[in-house]
N, C-alpha and C. Protein backbone atom coordinates (compact mmCIF):
# COMPACT_ATOMS: atom_id res chain seq x y z
N MET A 1 0.87 -1.46 -0.25
CA MET A 1 -0.13 -0.27 -0.11
C MET A 1 0.86 1.27 -0.12
N ILE A 2 0.65 2.16 -0.82
CA ILE A 2 1.26 3.33 -0.91
C ILE A 2 0.58 4.51 -0.13
N ASN A 3 1.04 5.40 0.81
CA ASN A 3 0.12 6.70 1.14
C ASN A 3 1.28 7.64 1.38
N GLY A 4 0.95 8.60 1.29
CA GLY A 4 1.45 10.12 1.39
C GLY A 4 2.67 10.10 2.16
N ASP A 5 2.93 9.32 2.89
CA ASP A 5 4.01 9.64 3.62
C ASP A 5 5.03 8.54 3.32
N THR A 6 4.85 7.81 2.18
CA THR A 6 5.75 6.72 1.76
C THR A 6 6.97 7.50 0.91
N LYS A 7 7.99 7.44 1.14
CA LYS A 7 9.37 7.72 0.70
C LYS A 7 10.09 6.68 -0.38
N TYR A 8 10.88 7.28 -1.25
CA TYR A 8 11.48 6.32 -2.25
C TYR A 8 12.83 6.51 -2.29
N TRP A 9 13.84 5.54 -2.03
CA TRP A 9 15.07 5.90 -1.80
C TRP A 9 15.95 5.29 -2.94
N ILE A 10 17.23 5.90 -2.96
CA ILE A 10 18.09 5.28 -4.24
C ILE A 10 19.33 4.64 -3.34
N VAL A 11 19.87 3.65 -3.43
CA VAL A 11 21.04 3.25 -2.62
C VAL A 11 22.06 2.73 -3.75
N VAL A 12 23.31 3.25 -3.54
CA VAL A 12 24.39 2.73 -4.54
C VAL A 12 25.29 1.64 -3.94
N ALA A 13 25.29 0.60 -4.83
CA ALA A 13 25.97 -0.53 -4.23
C ALA A 13 26.58 -1.37 -5.53
N SER A 14 27.90 -2.13 -5.64
CA SER A 14 28.29 -2.74 -6.66
C SER A 14 27.35 -3.64 -6.78
N LYS A 15 26.81 -4.42 -8.05
CA LYS A 15 25.80 -5.72 -8.28
C LYS A 15 26.37 -6.68 -7.19
N ASP A 16 27.56 -6.98 -7.33
CA ASP A 16 27.53 -8.15 -6.27
C ASP A 16 27.48 -7.84 -4.82
N HIS A 17 27.57 -6.88 -4.32
CA HIS A 17 26.61 -6.74 -3.08
C HIS A 17 25.27 -6.76 -3.03
N VAL A 18 24.78 -6.27 -4.21
CA VAL A 18 23.51 -5.96 -4.21
C VAL A 18 22.74 -7.28 -4.01
N LYS A 19 23.26 -8.59 -4.91
CA LYS A 19 22.76 -9.53 -4.88
C LYS A 19 22.83 -10.46 -3.69
N THR A 20 23.98 -9.85 -2.80
CA THR A 20 23.99 -10.73 -1.52
C THR A 20 23.14 -10.20 -0.71
N GLY A 21 22.61 -8.97 -0.69
CA GLY A 21 21.74 -8.20 0.04
C GLY A 21 20.37 -8.56 -0.24
N ILE A 22 20.09 -9.14 -1.68
CA ILE A 22 18.59 -9.77 -1.97
C ILE A 22 18.57 -10.91 -1.13
N ALA A 23 19.71 -11.77 -1.51
CA ALA A 23 19.92 -13.20 -0.69
C ALA A 23 19.58 -13.24 0.86
N GLU A 24 19.91 -12.14 1.29
CA GLU A 24 19.86 -12.00 2.76
C GLU A 24 18.58 -11.10 3.13
N GLY A 25 18.00 -10.77 2.22
CA GLY A 25 16.72 -9.94 2.64
C GLY A 25 17.09 -8.66 3.56
N ILE A 26 18.04 -8.02 2.93
CA ILE A 26 18.62 -7.02 3.79
C ILE A 26 19.17 -5.50 3.09
N ALA A 27 19.05 -4.63 3.57
CA ALA A 27 19.89 -3.46 2.84
C ALA A 27 21.16 -2.69 3.84
N GLN A 28 21.95 -2.58 2.81
CA GLN A 28 23.04 -1.71 3.79
C GLN A 28 23.35 -0.62 2.73
N ALA A 29 23.93 0.60 3.73
CA ALA A 29 24.20 1.56 2.76
C ALA A 29 25.03 2.25 3.19
N CYS A 30 26.15 2.87 2.28
CA CYS A 30 27.06 3.59 2.67
C CYS A 30 28.30 3.45 3.29
N HIS A 31 28.94 1.93 2.93
CA HIS A 31 29.83 1.23 3.72
C HIS A 31 29.30 0.85 4.99
N GLY A 32 27.96 0.82 5.27
CA GLY A 32 27.40 0.31 6.77
C GLY A 32 26.96 1.01 7.37
N LYS A 33 26.84 2.49 7.14
CA LYS A 33 26.66 3.20 8.10
C LYS A 33 25.17 3.40 8.45
N SER A 34 24.78 3.57 9.68
CA SER A 34 23.43 3.65 10.02
C SER A 34 22.57 4.99 9.72
N SER A 35 23.27 6.06 9.70
CA SER A 35 22.45 7.28 9.52
C SER A 35 21.80 7.26 8.18
N PRO A 36 22.10 6.68 6.80
CA PRO A 36 21.00 6.70 5.98
C PRO A 36 19.70 5.63 6.12
N LEU A 37 19.93 4.36 6.75
CA LEU A 37 19.13 3.63 7.34
C LEU A 37 18.16 4.27 8.01
N LYS A 38 18.42 5.21 9.05
CA LYS A 38 17.47 5.73 9.75
C LYS A 38 16.37 6.73 9.30
N LYS A 39 16.91 7.13 7.97
CA LYS A 39 15.73 8.19 7.12
C LYS A 39 14.78 7.41 6.69
N MET A 40 15.04 5.88 6.73
CA MET A 40 13.75 5.11 5.70
C MET A 40 13.01 4.56 6.87
N LYS A 41 11.81 4.33 6.58
CA LYS A 41 10.63 4.03 7.59
C LYS A 41 10.17 2.67 7.09
N LYS A 42 9.52 1.99 7.80
CA LYS A 42 8.50 0.84 7.52
C LYS A 42 7.44 1.40 6.32
N GLY A 43 7.76 0.31 5.36
CA GLY A 43 6.41 0.92 4.07
C GLY A 43 7.27 1.77 2.86
N ASP A 44 8.67 1.99 3.10
CA ASP A 44 9.26 3.06 2.22
C ASP A 44 9.72 1.95 0.95
N PHE A 45 9.90 2.59 -0.06
CA PHE A 45 10.55 1.44 -1.14
C PHE A 45 12.09 2.07 -1.29
N VAL A 46 12.81 1.02 -1.67
CA VAL A 46 14.31 1.10 -2.19
C VAL A 46 14.62 0.75 -3.59
N ILE A 47 15.52 1.20 -4.14
CA ILE A 47 15.89 1.07 -5.41
C ILE A 47 17.52 0.98 -5.32
N TYR A 48 18.18 -0.25 -5.74
CA TYR A 48 19.37 0.08 -5.54
C TYR A 48 19.96 0.02 -7.07
N TYR A 49 20.99 1.09 -7.16
CA TYR A 49 21.81 1.40 -8.48
C TYR A 49 23.19 0.94 -8.17
N SER A 50 23.68 0.15 -9.33
CA SER A 50 24.92 -0.28 -9.44
C SER A 50 25.77 0.09 -10.76
N GLY A 51 26.51 1.13 -10.25
CA GLY A 51 27.57 1.88 -11.26
C GLY A 51 28.55 0.76 -11.87
N LYS A 52 28.98 -0.26 -10.70
CA LYS A 52 29.74 -1.32 -11.14
C LYS A 52 29.69 -2.41 -10.85
N GLN A 53 29.85 -3.57 -11.44
CA GLN A 53 29.64 -4.94 -11.21
C GLN A 53 29.94 -5.69 -10.05
N THR A 54 31.40 -5.21 -9.59
CA THR A 54 31.79 -5.73 -8.55
C THR A 54 32.71 -4.38 -8.02
N MET A 55 32.90 -4.40 -6.63
CA MET A 55 33.36 -3.33 -5.93
C MET A 55 34.82 -3.31 -6.29
N GLY A 56 35.23 -2.39 -6.41
CA GLY A 56 37.11 -2.42 -6.42
C GLY A 56 37.39 -2.34 -7.82
N LYS A 57 36.22 -2.62 -8.80
CA LYS A 57 36.94 -3.00 -10.21
C LYS A 57 36.17 -2.21 -11.21
N PRO A 58 36.89 -1.87 -12.28
CA PRO A 58 36.27 -0.96 -13.02
C PRO A 58 35.30 -1.45 -13.92
N ASP A 59 34.80 -2.54 -13.99
CA ASP A 59 33.85 -3.12 -14.93
C ASP A 59 32.32 -2.33 -14.61
N LYS A 60 31.84 -1.62 -15.64
CA LYS A 60 30.84 -0.65 -15.35
C LYS A 60 29.50 -1.87 -15.29
N CYS A 61 28.37 -1.38 -14.65
CA CYS A 61 27.16 -1.99 -14.97
C CYS A 61 26.01 -0.85 -15.28
N GLN A 62 26.07 0.22 -14.64
CA GLN A 62 25.12 1.23 -15.04
C GLN A 62 23.38 0.80 -14.88
N GLU A 63 23.29 -0.04 -13.91
CA GLU A 63 21.66 -0.74 -13.98
C GLU A 63 21.11 -0.71 -12.70
N PHE A 64 19.76 -0.17 -12.54
CA PHE A 64 18.82 -0.49 -11.56
C PHE A 64 18.92 -1.90 -11.08
N THR A 65 19.42 -2.65 -9.97
CA THR A 65 19.82 -3.84 -10.01
C THR A 65 18.78 -4.68 -8.56
N ALA A 66 17.96 -3.69 -7.93
CA ALA A 66 17.17 -4.27 -6.92
C ALA A 66 15.99 -3.24 -6.53
N LEU A 67 14.67 -3.74 -6.28
CA LEU A 67 13.55 -3.28 -5.68
C LEU A 67 13.02 -3.86 -4.82
N GLY A 68 13.06 -3.13 -3.65
CA GLY A 68 12.18 -3.79 -2.44
C GLY A 68 11.73 -2.74 -1.49
N LYS A 69 10.95 -3.12 -0.60
CA LYS A 69 10.00 -2.42 0.43
C LYS A 69 10.77 -2.85 1.93
N VAL A 70 10.71 -1.54 2.51
CA VAL A 70 11.30 -1.64 3.79
C VAL A 70 10.14 -2.44 4.85
N ILE A 71 10.56 -3.58 5.68
CA ILE A 71 9.36 -4.27 6.26
C ILE A 71 9.26 -4.05 7.79
N ASP A 72 10.15 -3.18 8.46
CA ASP A 72 9.84 -2.96 9.83
C ASP A 72 11.06 -1.97 10.19
N ASP A 73 10.85 -1.55 11.37
CA ASP A 73 11.37 -0.39 11.76
C ASP A 73 12.66 -0.52 12.55
N GLU A 74 13.01 -1.66 12.68
CA GLU A 74 14.42 -2.23 12.80
C GLU A 74 15.51 -1.71 12.19
N ILE A 75 16.58 -1.32 13.05
CA ILE A 75 18.04 -1.13 12.23
C ILE A 75 18.62 -1.88 13.43
N TYR A 76 19.63 -2.76 12.76
CA TYR A 76 20.56 -3.70 13.58
C TYR A 76 22.29 -3.58 13.13
N GLN A 77 23.08 -4.11 13.89
CA GLN A 77 24.19 -4.19 13.13
C GLN A 77 24.72 -5.75 13.41
N PHE A 78 25.18 -6.26 12.27
CA PHE A 78 25.58 -7.66 12.24
C PHE A 78 27.01 -7.76 11.65
N GLN A 79 27.91 -8.60 12.58
CA GLN A 79 29.32 -8.96 12.60
C GLN A 79 29.59 -9.60 11.26
N VAL A 80 30.04 -8.61 10.04
CA VAL A 80 30.44 -9.66 9.03
C VAL A 80 31.87 -9.79 9.02
N SER A 81 32.85 -9.18 9.66
CA SER A 81 33.87 -9.69 9.89
C SER A 81 34.59 -9.23 11.09
N GLU A 82 35.82 -9.36 11.72
CA GLU A 82 36.46 -8.73 12.79
C GLU A 82 36.48 -7.41 12.94
N ASP A 83 36.76 -6.80 11.73
CA ASP A 83 36.61 -5.40 11.64
C ASP A 83 35.60 -4.72 11.01
N PHE A 84 34.39 -5.40 10.60
CA PHE A 84 33.18 -4.71 9.76
C PHE A 84 32.12 -5.01 10.21
N CYS A 85 31.42 -4.15 10.70
CA CYS A 85 29.96 -4.68 11.89
C CYS A 85 29.07 -3.57 11.12
N PRO A 86 28.42 -3.72 10.08
CA PRO A 86 27.46 -2.77 9.27
C PRO A 86 26.20 -2.57 10.00
N SER A 87 25.45 -1.29 9.82
CA SER A 87 24.08 -1.48 10.04
C SER A 87 23.23 -1.98 8.83
N ARG A 88 21.99 -2.70 9.02
CA ARG A 88 21.20 -3.22 8.37
C ARG A 88 19.77 -2.97 8.38
N ARG A 89 19.02 -2.84 7.62
CA ARG A 89 17.36 -2.78 7.73
C ARG A 89 16.78 -3.86 6.69
N ASN A 90 15.88 -4.75 7.45
CA ASN A 90 15.25 -5.64 6.50
C ASN A 90 14.11 -5.42 5.42
N ILE A 91 14.72 -5.92 4.29
CA ILE A 91 13.84 -5.16 2.89
C ILE A 91 13.09 -6.75 2.39
N GLU A 92 11.76 -6.14 1.94
CA GLU A 92 11.44 -7.84 1.26
C GLU A 92 11.52 -7.21 -0.50
N PHE A 93 12.43 -8.12 -1.12
CA PHE A 93 12.71 -7.63 -2.34
C PHE A 93 11.85 -8.21 -3.26
N SER A 94 11.48 -7.59 -4.68
CA SER A 94 10.55 -7.80 -5.57
C SER A 94 11.27 -8.69 -6.82
N GLN A 95 10.70 -9.54 -7.39
CA GLN A 95 11.30 -10.36 -8.49
C GLN A 95 11.24 -9.08 -9.54
N CYS A 96 12.41 -8.89 -10.27
CA CYS A 96 12.56 -8.02 -10.95
C CYS A 96 13.48 -8.02 -11.95
N GLU A 97 13.49 -7.43 -13.11
CA GLU A 97 14.94 -7.51 -14.16
C GLU A 97 15.80 -6.24 -13.61
N ASP A 98 17.08 -6.63 -13.78
CA ASP A 98 18.29 -5.58 -13.91
C ASP A 98 17.83 -4.61 -15.27
N THR A 99 17.80 -3.17 -14.97
CA THR A 99 17.44 -2.48 -15.92
C THR A 99 18.47 -1.34 -16.26
N SER A 100 18.80 -0.84 -17.36
CA SER A 100 19.90 0.34 -17.79
C SER A 100 19.41 1.44 -17.52
N ILE A 101 20.21 2.14 -16.88
CA ILE A 101 19.48 3.63 -16.41
C ILE A 101 19.81 4.42 -17.77
N LEU A 102 20.55 4.05 -18.90
CA LEU A 102 20.77 4.98 -20.12
C LEU A 102 19.54 5.35 -20.78
N PRO A 103 18.79 4.32 -21.02
CA PRO A 103 17.41 4.96 -21.67
C PRO A 103 16.38 6.10 -20.85
N LEU A 104 16.83 5.84 -19.30
CA LEU A 104 15.68 6.58 -18.74
C LEU A 104 16.16 7.91 -18.14
N ILE A 105 17.73 8.40 -18.35
CA ILE A 105 18.16 9.61 -17.91
C ILE A 105 17.42 10.82 -18.37
N SER A 106 17.09 10.88 -19.53
CA SER A 106 16.57 12.11 -19.91
C SER A 106 14.96 12.31 -19.15
N ASP A 107 14.34 11.12 -18.73
CA ASP A 107 12.99 11.48 -18.25
C ASP A 107 13.15 11.35 -16.58
N LEU A 108 14.11 11.17 -16.04
CA LEU A 108 14.52 11.30 -14.54
C LEU A 108 14.79 12.51 -13.81
N ASP A 109 13.92 12.89 -12.93
CA ASP A 109 13.79 14.35 -12.58
C ASP A 109 15.13 14.70 -11.71
N PHE A 110 15.45 13.10 -10.70
CA PHE A 110 16.49 13.45 -10.10
C PHE A 110 18.03 13.72 -10.73
N ILE A 111 17.90 13.69 -11.85
CA ILE A 111 19.01 13.92 -12.79
C ILE A 111 18.94 15.11 -13.25
N GLN A 112 19.35 16.41 -12.97
CA GLN A 112 19.36 17.74 -13.35
C GLN A 112 20.36 17.97 -14.58
N ASN A 113 21.27 17.52 -14.19
CA ASN A 113 22.39 17.75 -15.81
C ASN A 113 22.33 16.27 -16.42
N LYS A 114 21.85 16.32 -17.45
CA LYS A 114 21.72 14.95 -18.18
C LYS A 114 22.83 14.62 -18.52
N LYS A 115 23.94 15.65 -18.88
CA LYS A 115 25.20 15.34 -19.32
C LYS A 115 26.02 14.97 -18.11
N SER A 116 26.03 15.17 -17.10
CA SER A 116 26.70 14.73 -15.88
C SER A 116 25.91 13.70 -15.00
N TRP A 117 25.10 12.82 -15.69
CA TRP A 117 24.22 12.22 -14.98
C TRP A 117 24.29 11.23 -13.88
N GLY A 118 25.63 10.92 -13.99
CA GLY A 118 25.93 9.97 -12.73
C GLY A 118 26.38 10.87 -11.41
N TYR A 119 26.48 12.50 -11.38
CA TYR A 119 26.56 13.46 -10.26
C TYR A 119 25.57 12.54 -9.16
N PRO A 120 24.56 12.57 -9.38
CA PRO A 120 23.75 12.18 -7.73
C PRO A 120 24.10 10.94 -7.27
N PHE A 121 24.64 9.72 -7.95
CA PHE A 121 25.07 8.82 -7.33
C PHE A 121 26.36 8.81 -6.37
N ARG A 122 26.99 9.77 -6.76
CA ARG A 122 28.07 9.91 -5.69
C ARG A 122 27.99 10.07 -4.28
N PHE A 123 26.90 10.68 -3.91
CA PHE A 123 26.44 10.39 -2.30
C PHE A 123 25.87 9.15 -1.80
N GLY A 124 25.96 8.16 -2.61
CA GLY A 124 25.26 6.72 -2.24
C GLY A 124 23.97 6.52 -1.67
N PHE A 125 23.17 7.51 -1.36
CA PHE A 125 22.08 7.36 -0.76
C PHE A 125 21.06 8.68 -0.82
N PHE A 126 20.11 8.65 -1.42
CA PHE A 126 19.41 9.68 -1.49
C PHE A 126 17.67 9.49 -2.09
N GLU A 127 16.90 10.53 -1.57
CA GLU A 127 15.41 10.35 -1.62
C GLU A 127 15.13 10.75 -3.61
N ILE A 128 14.24 9.92 -3.77
CA ILE A 128 13.69 10.63 -5.21
C ILE A 128 12.38 10.68 -5.01
N ASN A 129 11.57 11.20 -6.30
CA ASN A 129 10.16 11.60 -5.95
C ASN A 129 9.42 10.28 -6.75
N GLN A 130 8.22 10.31 -6.30
CA GLN A 130 7.32 9.20 -6.87
C GLN A 130 7.54 8.95 -8.47
N HIS A 131 7.21 10.18 -9.16
CA HIS A 131 7.38 9.95 -10.49
C HIS A 131 8.62 9.04 -11.22
N ASP A 132 9.81 9.43 -10.20
CA ASP A 132 11.13 8.73 -10.60
C ASP A 132 10.91 7.14 -10.40
N PHE A 133 10.52 7.12 -9.22
CA PHE A 133 10.29 5.53 -8.47
C PHE A 133 9.41 4.68 -9.66
N ASP A 134 8.23 5.29 -10.13
CA ASP A 134 7.23 4.83 -11.19
C ASP A 134 7.96 4.65 -11.98
N LEU A 135 8.75 5.39 -12.92
CA LEU A 135 9.07 5.26 -14.01
C LEU A 135 10.10 3.91 -13.80
N ILE A 136 11.47 3.95 -12.68
CA ILE A 136 12.22 2.97 -12.93
C ILE A 136 11.53 1.60 -12.42
N SER A 137 10.68 1.65 -11.81
CA SER A 137 10.06 0.45 -11.00
C SER A 137 9.40 -0.16 -12.04
N SER A 138 8.40 0.41 -13.08
CA SER A 138 7.66 -0.12 -14.09
C SER A 138 8.66 -0.55 -15.15
N GLN A 139 9.87 -0.28 -15.38
CA GLN A 139 10.92 -0.62 -16.32
C GLN A 139 11.47 -2.25 -15.74
N MET A 140 11.77 -2.10 -14.24
CA MET A 140 12.46 -3.16 -13.82
C MET A 140 11.23 -4.31 -13.39
N LEU A 141 9.98 -4.12 -13.53
CA LEU A 141 8.99 -5.12 -13.45
C LEU A 141 8.21 -5.34 -14.45
N GLN A 142 8.34 -4.84 -15.68
CA GLN A 142 7.51 -5.11 -16.47
C GLN A 142 7.68 -6.57 -17.18
N HIS A 143 8.65 -7.24 -17.06
CA HIS A 143 9.10 -8.40 -17.58
C HIS A 143 8.48 -9.41 -16.80
N HIS A 144 8.15 -9.06 -15.48
CA HIS A 144 7.65 -10.05 -14.71
C HIS A 144 6.11 -10.13 -14.41
N TYR A 145 5.50 -9.17 -15.13
CA TYR A 145 3.94 -8.92 -15.16
C TYR A 145 3.23 -8.90 -16.64
N ALA A 146 4.20 -8.86 -17.44
CA ALA A 146 3.85 -8.85 -18.89
C ALA A 146 3.15 -10.02 -19.63
């Protein structure tokens, strides 16, 4: 159910990390920081954008790679390794197709400078409007409902 309080978020992560998050039903943002996750509320939607296939490698992805809904208000930490304990949120991910950003750039409101379209993604996490969410999600979901 979408209501007036629903917010829509973009999280930036490499595709390999996104696929791990989908498998675990979790969201992490900005190298495990809790502050972006605190902005999300139960019922909000999140879309992952992957500029790269693999973290730390140059191979481009430039696709929206996951779509999900925040299912509770809990933020928790998870010990991944001795020196990495990221904050996480539980997400219910939808079955969807990875979708290239390139054909959508001209229609996305959050990309103000179409020539430097990658600029907003530098922040790793940001809110988008419903128009942009609907445009991206309709492309991601079309193959599953067509």
